[in-house]
Amino acid sequence: MIFGTGIDIEEIERIQESVEKYADHFLNKIFTQTELDYCLPKKNKYQHLAARFAAKEAIAKALSAGWNEGFNWKDIEIFNEKSGKPIVHLYGKLKEFLGDDKELQISMSHSRNYVTCFAILYTKM
């Protein structure tokens, strides 16, 4: 059964402007060290950062149907399997909220100027 869905689209330039304006304050508020270690060395680092930002927004929207305990950006961590498939790790109260009976899947995509993410939260049968 589907518990929640969320979608987000972000302008890559908007994330780049935030990084340039707020630097480490922005980066350390939104992203985990694992995410930063993955994104920052990339040639197109702003695209990767924007994709993770969009994923976190989409996940927050998917959780809105049943989550009202507050939101911490770093309680959501996005990384890629070797195949490129994005994987979500949740921490803290979000992990407790999902428990063993719910799963979360995401799909991310990008163009030259935009990134998007779709998240689906569902209960296991």
N, C-alpha and C. Protein backbone atom coordinates (compact mmCIF):
# COMPACT_ATOMS: atom_id res chain seq x y z
N MET A 1 0.84 -1.18 0.00
CA MET A 1 0.00 0.00 0.00
C MET A 1 0.88 1.25 0.00
N ILE A 2 0.53 2.21 -0.81
CA ILE A 2 1.28 3.47 -0.87
C ILE A 2 0.89 4.33 0.32
N PHE A 3 1.88 4.77 1.03
CA PHE A 3 1.70 5.59 2.22
C PHE A 3 1.86 7.08 1.90
N GLY A 4 2.74 7.39 0.91
CA GLY A 4 2.96 8.78 0.53
C GLY A 4 3.83 8.87 -0.71
N THR A 5 3.65 9.95 -1.46
CA THR A 5 4.49 10.25 -2.61
C THR A 5 4.94 11.70 -2.53
N GLY A 6 6.05 11.98 -3.16
CA GLY A 6 6.54 13.35 -3.21
C GLY A 6 7.38 13.56 -4.45
N ILE A 7 7.37 14.76 -4.95
CA ILE A 7 8.18 15.11 -6.11
C ILE A 7 8.74 16.51 -5.89
N ASP A 8 9.93 16.73 -6.42
CA ASP A 8 10.53 18.05 -6.32
C ASP A 8 11.37 18.30 -7.56
N ILE A 9 11.44 19.55 -7.97
CA ILE A 9 12.30 19.99 -9.06
C ILE A 9 13.10 21.19 -8.55
N GLU A 10 14.37 21.21 -8.86
CA GLU A 10 15.25 22.30 -8.40
C GLU A 10 16.07 22.83 -9.57
N GLU A 11 16.29 24.13 -9.56
CA GLU A 11 17.22 24.74 -10.50
C GLU A 11 18.63 24.54 -9.95
N ILE A 12 19.49 23.99 -10.75
CA ILE A 12 20.87 23.76 -10.33
C ILE A 12 21.53 25.09 -9.96
N GLU A 13 21.26 26.12 -10.71
CA GLU A 13 21.85 27.44 -10.46
C GLU A 13 21.46 27.98 -9.08
N ARG A 14 20.25 27.71 -8.64
CA ARG A 14 19.80 28.16 -7.31
C ARG A 14 20.63 27.53 -6.20
N ILE A 15 20.91 26.24 -6.34
CA ILE A 15 21.75 25.56 -5.34
C ILE A 15 23.18 26.11 -5.40
N GLN A 16 23.68 26.32 -6.60
CA GLN A 16 25.02 26.89 -6.74
C GLN A 16 25.11 28.26 -6.07
N GLU A 17 24.11 29.09 -6.26
CA GLU A 17 24.09 30.41 -5.64
C GLU A 17 24.07 30.31 -4.12
N SER A 18 23.32 29.35 -3.60
CA SER A 18 23.27 29.16 -2.14
C SER A 18 24.62 28.71 -1.60
N VAL A 19 25.28 27.82 -2.32
CA VAL A 19 26.61 27.36 -1.89
C VAL A 19 27.60 28.51 -1.94
N GLU A 20 27.56 29.30 -3.00
CA GLU A 20 28.50 30.41 -3.13
C GLU A 20 28.23 31.51 -2.10
N LYS A 21 26.98 31.72 -1.76
CA LYS A 21 26.64 32.78 -0.81
C LYS A 21 26.86 32.35 0.64
N TYR A 22 26.44 31.13 0.99
CA TYR A 22 26.46 30.69 2.38
C TYR A 22 27.54 29.66 2.69
N ALA A 23 28.20 29.17 1.67
CA ALA A 23 29.34 28.24 1.79
C ALA A 23 29.08 27.10 2.76
N ASP A 24 30.00 26.91 3.70
CA ASP A 24 29.93 25.76 4.61
C ASP A 24 28.67 25.75 5.47
N HIS A 25 28.14 26.92 5.78
CA HIS A 25 26.91 26.96 6.59
C HIS A 25 25.78 26.23 5.86
N PHE A 26 25.60 26.52 4.59
CA PHE A 26 24.57 25.86 3.79
C PHE A 26 24.88 24.38 3.62
N LEU A 27 26.09 24.08 3.21
CA LEU A 27 26.49 22.70 2.95
C LEU A 27 26.32 21.82 4.19
N ASN A 28 26.78 22.30 5.32
CA ASN A 28 26.75 21.50 6.55
C ASN A 28 25.37 21.42 7.19
N LYS A 29 24.49 22.33 6.83
CA LYS A 29 23.11 22.28 7.33
C LYS A 29 22.30 21.24 6.56
N ILE A 30 22.55 21.11 5.27
CA ILE A 30 21.72 20.29 4.40
C ILE A 30 22.27 18.89 4.17
N PHE A 31 23.57 18.77 3.99
CA PHE A 31 24.17 17.53 3.51
C PHE A 31 25.02 16.83 4.56
N THR A 32 24.99 15.50 4.52
CA THR A 32 25.86 14.71 5.40
C THR A 32 27.28 14.73 4.84
N GLN A 33 28.22 14.32 5.65
CA GLN A 33 29.61 14.28 5.19
C GLN A 33 29.78 13.29 4.03
N THR A 34 29.05 12.19 4.08
CA THR A 34 29.10 11.21 2.99
C THR A 34 28.63 11.83 1.68
N GLU A 35 27.57 12.61 1.74
CA GLU A 35 27.06 13.28 0.54
C GLU A 35 28.07 14.31 0.01
N LEU A 36 28.66 15.07 0.92
CA LEU A 36 29.65 16.07 0.51
C LEU A 36 30.89 15.40 -0.09
N ASP A 37 31.32 14.30 0.52
CA ASP A 37 32.48 13.58 -0.01
C ASP A 37 32.23 13.06 -1.42
N TYR A 38 30.99 12.72 -1.71
CA TYR A 38 30.63 12.24 -3.04
C TYR A 38 30.51 13.39 -4.04
N CYS A 39 29.82 14.46 -3.65
CA CYS A 39 29.47 15.53 -4.59
C CYS A 39 30.60 16.51 -4.88
N LEU A 40 31.28 16.96 -3.85
CA LEU A 40 32.22 18.07 -4.03
C LEU A 40 33.38 17.79 -4.98
N PRO A 41 33.91 16.59 -5.05
CA PRO A 41 35.00 16.36 -6.01
C PRO A 41 34.54 16.29 -7.48
N LYS A 42 33.26 16.18 -7.71
CA LYS A 42 32.73 16.03 -9.07
C LYS A 42 32.90 17.31 -9.87
N LYS A 43 33.10 17.17 -11.17
CA LYS A 43 33.18 18.32 -12.06
C LYS A 43 31.87 19.11 -12.03
N ASN A 44 30.77 18.38 -12.01
CA ASN A 44 29.44 19.01 -11.98
C ASN A 44 28.82 18.88 -10.58
N LYS A 45 29.57 19.33 -9.59
CA LYS A 45 29.17 19.14 -8.19
C LYS A 45 27.83 19.79 -7.85
N TYR A 46 27.49 20.91 -8.48
CA TYR A 46 26.23 21.57 -8.15
C TYR A 46 25.04 20.74 -8.62
N GLN A 47 25.20 20.04 -9.71
CA GLN A 47 24.15 19.15 -10.19
C GLN A 47 23.91 18.02 -9.18
N HIS A 48 24.97 17.45 -8.66
CA HIS A 48 24.85 16.37 -7.68
C HIS A 48 24.28 16.88 -6.35
N LEU A 49 24.70 18.05 -5.92
CA LEU A 49 24.14 18.63 -4.70
C LEU A 49 22.66 18.95 -4.88
N ALA A 50 22.31 19.52 -6.03
CA ALA A 50 20.91 19.86 -6.29
C ALA A 50 20.04 18.61 -6.34
N ALA A 51 20.57 17.52 -6.88
CA ALA A 51 19.80 16.27 -6.94
C ALA A 51 19.51 15.75 -5.53
N ARG A 52 20.49 15.83 -4.67
CA ARG A 52 20.28 15.37 -3.29
C ARG A 52 19.33 16.30 -2.53
N PHE A 53 19.42 17.59 -2.80
CA PHE A 53 18.48 18.54 -2.20
C PHE A 53 17.06 18.22 -2.66
N ALA A 54 16.88 18.00 -3.96
CA ALA A 54 15.55 17.66 -4.50
C ALA A 54 15.05 16.35 -3.90
N ALA A 55 15.94 15.39 -3.71
CA ALA A 55 15.54 14.11 -3.12
C ALA A 55 15.04 14.31 -1.70
N LYS A 56 15.75 15.11 -0.93
CA LYS A 56 15.33 15.35 0.46
C LYS A 56 13.98 16.06 0.51
N GLU A 57 13.76 17.00 -0.40
CA GLU A 57 12.46 17.69 -0.48
C GLU A 57 11.35 16.70 -0.87
N ALA A 58 11.59 15.86 -1.86
CA ALA A 58 10.59 14.89 -2.31
C ALA A 58 10.26 13.90 -1.18
N ILE A 59 11.29 13.47 -0.46
CA ILE A 59 11.08 12.55 0.66
C ILE A 59 10.26 13.23 1.75
N ALA A 60 10.56 14.48 2.05
CA ALA A 60 9.78 15.22 3.06
C ALA A 60 8.32 15.29 2.66
N LYS A 61 8.06 15.49 1.38
CA LYS A 61 6.67 15.54 0.90
C LYS A 61 6.01 14.17 1.02
N ALA A 62 6.74 13.12 0.69
CA ALA A 62 6.19 11.77 0.81
C ALA A 62 5.87 11.43 2.27
N LEU A 63 6.66 11.93 3.19
CA LEU A 63 6.45 11.65 4.61
C LEU A 63 5.35 12.51 5.23
N SER A 64 4.94 13.56 4.56
CA SER A 64 4.01 14.52 5.16
C SER A 64 2.67 13.89 5.54
N ALA A 65 2.34 12.77 4.95
CA ALA A 65 1.06 12.12 5.28
C ALA A 65 1.04 11.60 6.71
N GLY A 66 2.21 11.33 7.28
CA GLY A 66 2.19 10.76 8.61
C GLY A 66 3.30 11.23 9.53
N TRP A 67 4.11 12.14 9.06
CA TRP A 67 5.26 12.58 9.85
C TRP A 67 5.03 14.01 10.31
N ASN A 68 5.10 14.24 11.60
CA ASN A 68 4.94 15.61 12.11
C ASN A 68 5.87 15.87 13.28
N GLU A 69 6.98 15.18 13.34
CA GLU A 69 7.92 15.28 14.46
C GLU A 69 9.04 16.28 14.23
N GLY A 70 9.01 17.02 13.17
CA GLY A 70 10.11 17.91 12.84
C GLY A 70 10.99 17.29 11.79
N PHE A 71 11.75 18.11 11.13
CA PHE A 71 12.51 17.66 9.98
C PHE A 71 13.96 18.10 10.12
N ASN A 72 14.86 17.17 9.99
CA ASN A 72 16.29 17.47 10.00
C ASN A 72 16.86 16.99 8.67
N TRP A 73 17.41 17.91 7.90
CA TRP A 73 17.95 17.59 6.57
C TRP A 73 18.93 16.42 6.61
N LYS A 74 19.75 16.38 7.65
CA LYS A 74 20.80 15.37 7.72
C LYS A 74 20.29 14.00 8.19
N ASP A 75 19.03 13.92 8.55
CA ASP A 75 18.44 12.62 8.88
C ASP A 75 18.13 11.83 7.61
N ILE A 76 18.29 12.47 6.45
CA ILE A 76 18.12 11.82 5.16
C ILE A 76 19.46 11.89 4.44
N GLU A 77 19.95 10.73 4.02
CA GLU A 77 21.23 10.68 3.30
C GLU A 77 21.02 9.91 1.99
N ILE A 78 21.49 10.51 0.90
CA ILE A 78 21.35 9.91 -0.42
C ILE A 78 22.73 9.51 -0.91
N PHE A 79 22.84 8.28 -1.37
CA PHE A 79 24.08 7.85 -2.01
C PHE A 79 23.72 6.93 -3.17
N ASN A 80 24.69 6.62 -3.99
CA ASN A 80 24.44 5.79 -5.17
C ASN A 80 25.12 4.44 -5.04
N GLU A 81 24.40 3.41 -5.47
CA GLU A 81 25.02 2.10 -5.61
C GLU A 81 25.99 2.17 -6.79
N LYS A 82 26.82 1.16 -6.95
CA LYS A 82 27.75 1.13 -8.08
C LYS A 82 27.02 1.23 -9.42
N SER A 83 25.81 0.71 -9.47
CA SER A 83 25.01 0.75 -10.69
C SER A 83 24.49 2.15 -10.99
N GLY A 84 24.58 3.05 -10.01
CA GLY A 84 24.05 4.40 -10.15
C GLY A 84 22.71 4.60 -9.47
N LYS A 85 22.08 3.52 -9.06
CA LYS A 85 20.77 3.61 -8.40
C LYS A 85 20.90 4.39 -7.10
N PRO A 86 20.04 5.42 -6.92
CA PRO A 86 20.09 6.18 -5.66
C PRO A 86 19.45 5.39 -4.53
N ILE A 87 20.09 5.44 -3.39
CA ILE A 87 19.64 4.75 -2.19
C ILE A 87 19.47 5.78 -1.08
N VAL A 88 18.45 5.57 -0.25
CA VAL A 88 18.17 6.47 0.86
C VAL A 88 18.51 5.77 2.17
N HIS A 89 19.27 6.46 3.01
CA HIS A 89 19.47 6.04 4.39
C HIS A 89 18.80 7.08 5.27
N LEU A 90 18.03 6.61 6.23
CA LEU A 90 17.38 7.51 7.18
C LEU A 90 17.99 7.30 8.55
N TYR A 91 18.00 8.37 9.33
CA TYR A 91 18.58 8.33 10.67
C TYR A 91 17.60 8.93 11.66
N GLY A 92 17.88 8.72 12.93
CA GLY A 92 17.10 9.34 14.00
C GLY A 92 15.65 8.95 13.99
N LYS A 93 14.78 9.93 14.27
CA LYS A 93 13.35 9.68 14.38
C LYS A 93 12.74 9.25 13.05
N LEU A 94 13.31 9.70 11.93
CA LEU A 94 12.79 9.26 10.64
C LEU A 94 12.95 7.76 10.46
N LYS A 95 14.10 7.24 10.85
CA LYS A 95 14.33 5.80 10.75
C LYS A 95 13.36 5.05 11.65
N GLU A 96 13.15 5.56 12.85
CA GLU A 96 12.19 4.94 13.76
C GLU A 96 10.78 4.97 13.19
N PHE A 97 10.42 6.10 12.58
CA PHE A 97 9.09 6.26 12.00
C PHE A 97 8.83 5.24 10.91
N LEU A 98 9.80 5.02 10.04
CA LEU A 98 9.61 4.05 8.98
C LEU A 98 9.56 2.63 9.50
N GLY A 99 10.35 2.35 10.52
CA GLY A 99 10.34 1.01 11.10
C GLY A 99 10.67 -0.06 10.07
N ASP A 100 10.22 -1.25 10.33
CA ASP A 100 10.48 -2.37 9.44
C ASP A 100 9.33 -2.63 8.47
N ASP A 101 8.24 -1.89 8.61
CA ASP A 101 7.08 -2.19 7.78
C ASP A 101 6.91 -1.23 6.59
N LYS A 102 7.80 -0.23 6.46
CA LYS A 102 7.70 0.71 5.35
C LYS A 102 9.01 0.76 4.57
N GLU A 103 8.91 1.04 3.28
CA GLU A 103 10.09 1.22 2.44
C GLU A 103 9.97 2.53 1.68
N LEU A 104 11.10 3.06 1.30
CA LEU A 104 11.18 4.33 0.60
C LEU A 104 12.06 4.14 -0.63
N GLN A 105 11.54 4.49 -1.79
CA GLN A 105 12.30 4.42 -3.03
C GLN A 105 12.28 5.80 -3.68
N ILE A 106 13.38 6.14 -4.35
CA ILE A 106 13.45 7.41 -5.08
C ILE A 106 13.98 7.18 -6.48
N SER A 107 13.66 8.12 -7.34
CA SER A 107 14.23 8.19 -8.68
C SER A 107 14.61 9.63 -8.93
N MET A 108 15.85 9.85 -9.38
CA MET A 108 16.34 11.20 -9.64
C MET A 108 16.67 11.31 -11.13
N SER A 109 16.52 12.51 -11.66
CA SER A 109 16.87 12.77 -13.05
C SER A 109 17.33 14.21 -13.17
N HIS A 110 18.05 14.51 -14.24
CA HIS A 110 18.55 15.87 -14.42
C HIS A 110 18.69 16.23 -15.88
N SER A 111 18.67 17.52 -16.12
CA SER A 111 18.99 18.10 -17.42
C SER A 111 20.13 19.07 -17.18
N ARG A 112 20.41 19.89 -18.12
CA ARG A 112 21.48 20.86 -17.95
C ARG A 112 21.20 21.85 -16.82
N ASN A 113 19.93 22.24 -16.66
CA ASN A 113 19.58 23.30 -15.73
C ASN A 113 18.75 22.86 -14.52
N TYR A 114 18.15 21.69 -14.59
CA TYR A 114 17.23 21.26 -13.54
C TYR A 114 17.52 19.83 -13.10
N VAL A 115 17.15 19.55 -11.86
CA VAL A 115 17.14 18.19 -11.33
C VAL A 115 15.75 17.94 -10.77
N THR A 116 15.37 16.69 -10.75
CA THR A 116 14.08 16.33 -10.18
C THR A 116 14.22 15.01 -9.44
N CYS A 117 13.33 14.81 -8.50
CA CYS A 117 13.30 13.56 -7.76
C CYS A 117 11.85 13.22 -7.45
N PHE A 118 11.55 11.93 -7.56
CA PHE A 118 10.26 11.39 -7.17
C PHE A 118 10.51 10.39 -6.05
N ALA A 119 9.73 10.48 -4.99
CA ALA A 119 9.85 9.57 -3.85
C ALA A 119 8.52 8.87 -3.62
N ILE A 120 8.60 7.61 -3.28
CA ILE A 120 7.41 6.85 -2.93
C ILE A 120 7.67 6.09 -1.64
N LEU A 121 6.76 6.26 -0.72
CA LEU A 121 6.83 5.58 0.58
C LEU A 121 5.69 4.58 0.61
N TYR A 122 6.02 3.34 0.88
CA TYR A 122 4.99 2.32 0.84
C TYR A 122 5.20 1.32 1.98
N THR A 123 4.10 0.68 2.32
CA THR A 123 4.17 -0.35 3.35
C THR A 123 4.43 -1.68 2.69
N LYS A 124 5.21 -2.50 3.35
CA LYS A 124 5.51 -3.83 2.86
C LYS A 124 4.26 -4.69 3.02
N MET A 125 4.09 -5.57 2.11
CA MET A 125 2.93 -6.49 2.18
C MET A 125 3.31 -7.72 2.94
